[in-house]
């Protein structure tokens, strides 16, 4: 869907420079990603998950004048959680 006739006209000019194409996706069981090599898995003694929450705080820092981006906000950490899973009895 195009927002105006002008945008459609510009798109048609650029699009017609290339050959027509169509994406065809595989069907049936071939379309599913499957993991079969369980013998190649490596067991881990620890599984550690961390999640950080932050707030976006407006920043007044001046960016490098030669940079193509500028700093608008900074992340200020407001909380975190760490979760450890293990079969090791000492932990």
C-alpha atoms as a PDB file:
ATOM      1  CA  UNK A   1       0.000   0.000   0.000  1.00  0.00           C
ATOM      2  CA  UNK A   2       1.403   3.383  -0.967  1.00  0.00           C
ATOM      3  CA  UNK A   3       0.623   6.691   0.698  1.00  0.00           C
ATOM      4  CA  UNK A   4       0.202   8.581  -2.576  1.00  0.00           C
ATOM      5  CA  UNK A   5       0.267   8.168  -6.341  1.00  0.00           C
ATOM      6  CA  UNK A   6       3.634   9.975  -6.460  1.00  0.00           C
ATOM      7  CA  UNK A   7       5.207   7.386  -4.130  1.00  0.00           C
ATOM      8  CA  UNK A   8       3.763   4.531  -6.224  1.00  0.00           C
ATOM      9  CA  UNK A   9       5.103   6.088  -9.437  1.00  0.00           C
ATOM     10  CA  UNK A  10       8.613   6.433  -7.975  1.00  0.00           C
ATOM     11  CA  UNK A  11       8.497   2.859  -6.715  1.00  0.00           C
ATOM     12  CA  UNK A  12       7.371   1.536 -10.125  1.00  0.00           C
ATOM     13  CA  UNK A  13      10.318   3.203 -11.863  1.00  0.00           C
ATOM     14  CA  UNK A  14      12.852   1.733  -9.435  1.00  0.00           C
ATOM     15  CA  UNK A  15      11.156  -1.656  -9.201  1.00  0.00           C
ATOM     16  CA  UNK A  16      10.968  -2.167 -12.959  1.00  0.00           C
ATOM     17  CA  UNK A  17      14.791  -2.060 -13.149  1.00  0.00           C
ATOM     18  CA  UNK A  18      14.916  -5.576 -11.686  1.00  0.00           C
ATOM     19  CA  UNK A  19      13.615  -8.938 -12.864  1.00  0.00           C
ATOM     20  CA  UNK A  20      10.399 -10.197 -11.319  1.00  0.00           C
ATOM     21  CA  UNK A  21      10.870 -12.581  -8.417  1.00  0.00           C
ATOM     22  CA  UNK A  22       8.757 -14.731  -6.173  1.00  0.00           C
ATOM     23  CA  UNK A  23       9.625 -16.271  -2.822  1.00  0.00           C
ATOM     24  CA  UNK A  24       8.660 -19.934  -2.445  1.00  0.00           C
ATOM     25  CA  UNK A  25       8.832 -21.509   1.001  1.00  0.00           C
ATOM     26  CA  UNK A  26       9.251 -25.255   1.590  1.00  0.00           C
ATOM     27  CA  UNK A  27       6.149 -27.235   2.494  1.00  0.00           C
ATOM     28  CA  UNK A  28       5.539 -30.148   4.867  1.00  0.00           C
ATOM     29  CA  UNK A  29       8.143 -31.636   7.202  1.00  0.00           C
ATOM     30  CA  UNK A  30      10.988 -30.040   5.226  1.00  0.00           C
ATOM     31  CA  UNK A  31       9.776 -26.630   6.423  1.00  0.00           C
ATOM     32  CA  UNK A  32      10.521 -27.401  10.085  1.00  0.00           C
ATOM     33  CA  UNK A  33      13.882 -26.803  11.719  1.00  0.00           C
ATOM     34  CA  UNK A  34      14.829 -29.879  13.737  1.00  0.00           C
ATOM     35  CA  UNK A  35      17.717 -30.704  16.042  1.00  0.00           C
ATOM     36  CA  UNK A  36      18.801 -34.335  15.746  1.00  0.00           C
ATOM     37  CA  UNK A  37      22.423 -34.420  16.950  1.00  0.00           C
ATOM     38  CA  UNK A  38      21.792 -34.874  20.651  1.00  0.00           C
ATOM     39  CA  UNK A  39      25.109 -36.716  20.949  1.00  0.00           C
ATOM     40  CA  UNK A  40      26.900 -33.415  20.189  1.00  0.00           C
ATOM     41  CA  UNK A  41      25.354 -31.594  23.142  1.00  0.00           C
ATOM     42  CA  UNK A  42      27.611 -30.590  26.026  1.00  0.00           C
ATOM     43  CA  UNK A  43      26.311 -30.707  29.559  1.00  0.00           C
ATOM     44  CA  UNK A  44      26.931 -27.683  31.768  1.00  0.00           C
ATOM     45  CA  UNK A  45      27.331 -27.689  35.528  1.00  0.00           C
ATOM     46  CA  UNK A  46      25.627 -24.326  35.863  1.00  0.00           C
ATOM     47  CA  UNK A  47      22.885 -22.500  34.017  1.00  0.00           C
ATOM     48  CA  UNK A  48      22.880 -18.807  34.883  1.00  0.00           C
ATOM     49  CA  UNK A  49      20.278 -16.287  33.700  1.00  0.00           C
ATOM     50  CA  UNK A  50      20.392 -12.536  34.384  1.00  0.00           C
ATOM     51  CA  UNK A  51      17.827  -9.878  33.605  1.00  0.00           C
ATOM     52  CA  UNK A  52      18.383  -6.146  33.978  1.00  0.00           C
ATOM     53  CA  UNK A  53      15.617  -3.577  34.003  1.00  0.00           C
ATOM     54  CA  UNK A  54      16.323   0.052  33.257  1.00  0.00           C
ATOM     55  CA  UNK A  55      14.665   3.402  32.775  1.00  0.00           C
ATOM     56  CA  UNK A  56      15.424   5.790  29.938  1.00  0.00           C
ATOM     57  CA  UNK A  57      16.545   9.100  31.438  1.00  0.00           C
ATOM     58  CA  UNK A  58      16.935  12.156  29.171  1.00  0.00           C
ATOM     59  CA  UNK A  59      20.592  13.076  28.782  1.00  0.00           C
ATOM     60  CA  UNK A  60      22.191  16.464  28.327  1.00  0.00           C
ATOM     61  CA  UNK A  61      25.602  15.038  27.409  1.00  0.00           C
ATOM     62  CA  UNK A  62      27.151  16.486  24.297  1.00  0.00           C
ATOM     63  CA  UNK A  63      28.029  13.866  21.693  1.00  0.00           C
ATOM     64  CA  UNK A  64      31.097  13.876  19.522  1.00  0.00           C
ATOM     65  CA  UNK A  65      30.431  16.563  16.867  1.00  0.00           C
ATOM     66  CA  UNK A  66      31.810  14.264  14.145  1.00  0.00           C
ATOM     67  CA  UNK A  67      29.513  11.367  15.108  1.00  0.00           C
ATOM     68  CA  UNK A  68      26.528  10.520  12.937  1.00  0.00           C
ATOM     69  CA  UNK A  69      24.424   9.803  16.012  1.00  0.00           C
ATOM     70  CA  UNK A  70      23.646  11.802  19.115  1.00  0.00           C
ATOM     71  CA  UNK A  71      22.901  10.834  22.696  1.00  0.00           C
ATOM     72  CA  UNK A  72      19.273  11.490  23.630  1.00  0.00           C
ATOM     73  CA  UNK A  73      18.659   9.159  26.605  1.00  0.00           C
ATOM     74  CA  UNK A  74      20.717   7.041  28.962  1.00  0.00           C
ATOM     75  CA  UNK A  75      19.766   3.732  30.563  1.00  0.00           C
ATOM     76  CA  UNK A  76      19.618   3.923  34.349  1.00  0.00           C
ATOM     77  CA  UNK A  77      19.463   0.484  35.986  1.00  0.00           C
ATOM     78  CA  UNK A  78      16.371   0.143  38.156  1.00  0.00           C
ATOM     79  CA  UNK A  79      16.618  -3.530  39.059  1.00  0.00           C
ATOM     80  CA  UNK A  80      18.115  -6.883  38.250  1.00  0.00           C
ATOM     81  CA  UNK A  81      17.617 -10.569  38.882  1.00  0.00           C
ATOM     82  CA  UNK A  82      20.047 -13.480  38.656  1.00  0.00           C
ATOM     83  CA  UNK A  83      18.929 -17.107  38.656  1.00  0.00           C
ATOM     84  CA  UNK A  84      21.284 -20.083  38.911  1.00  0.00           C
ATOM     85  CA  UNK A  85      20.358 -23.711  38.206  1.00  0.00           C
ATOM     86  CA  UNK A  86      22.778 -26.523  39.039  1.00  0.00           C
ATOM     87  CA  UNK A  87      22.927 -30.193  39.928  1.00  0.00           C
ATOM     88  CA  UNK A  88      26.146 -29.685  41.922  1.00  0.00           C
ATOM     89  CA  UNK A  89      25.245 -30.402  45.557  1.00  0.00           C
ATOM     90  CA  UNK A  90      27.808 -27.921  46.973  1.00  0.00           C
ATOM     91  CA  UNK A  91      25.885 -25.055  45.351  1.00  0.00           C
END
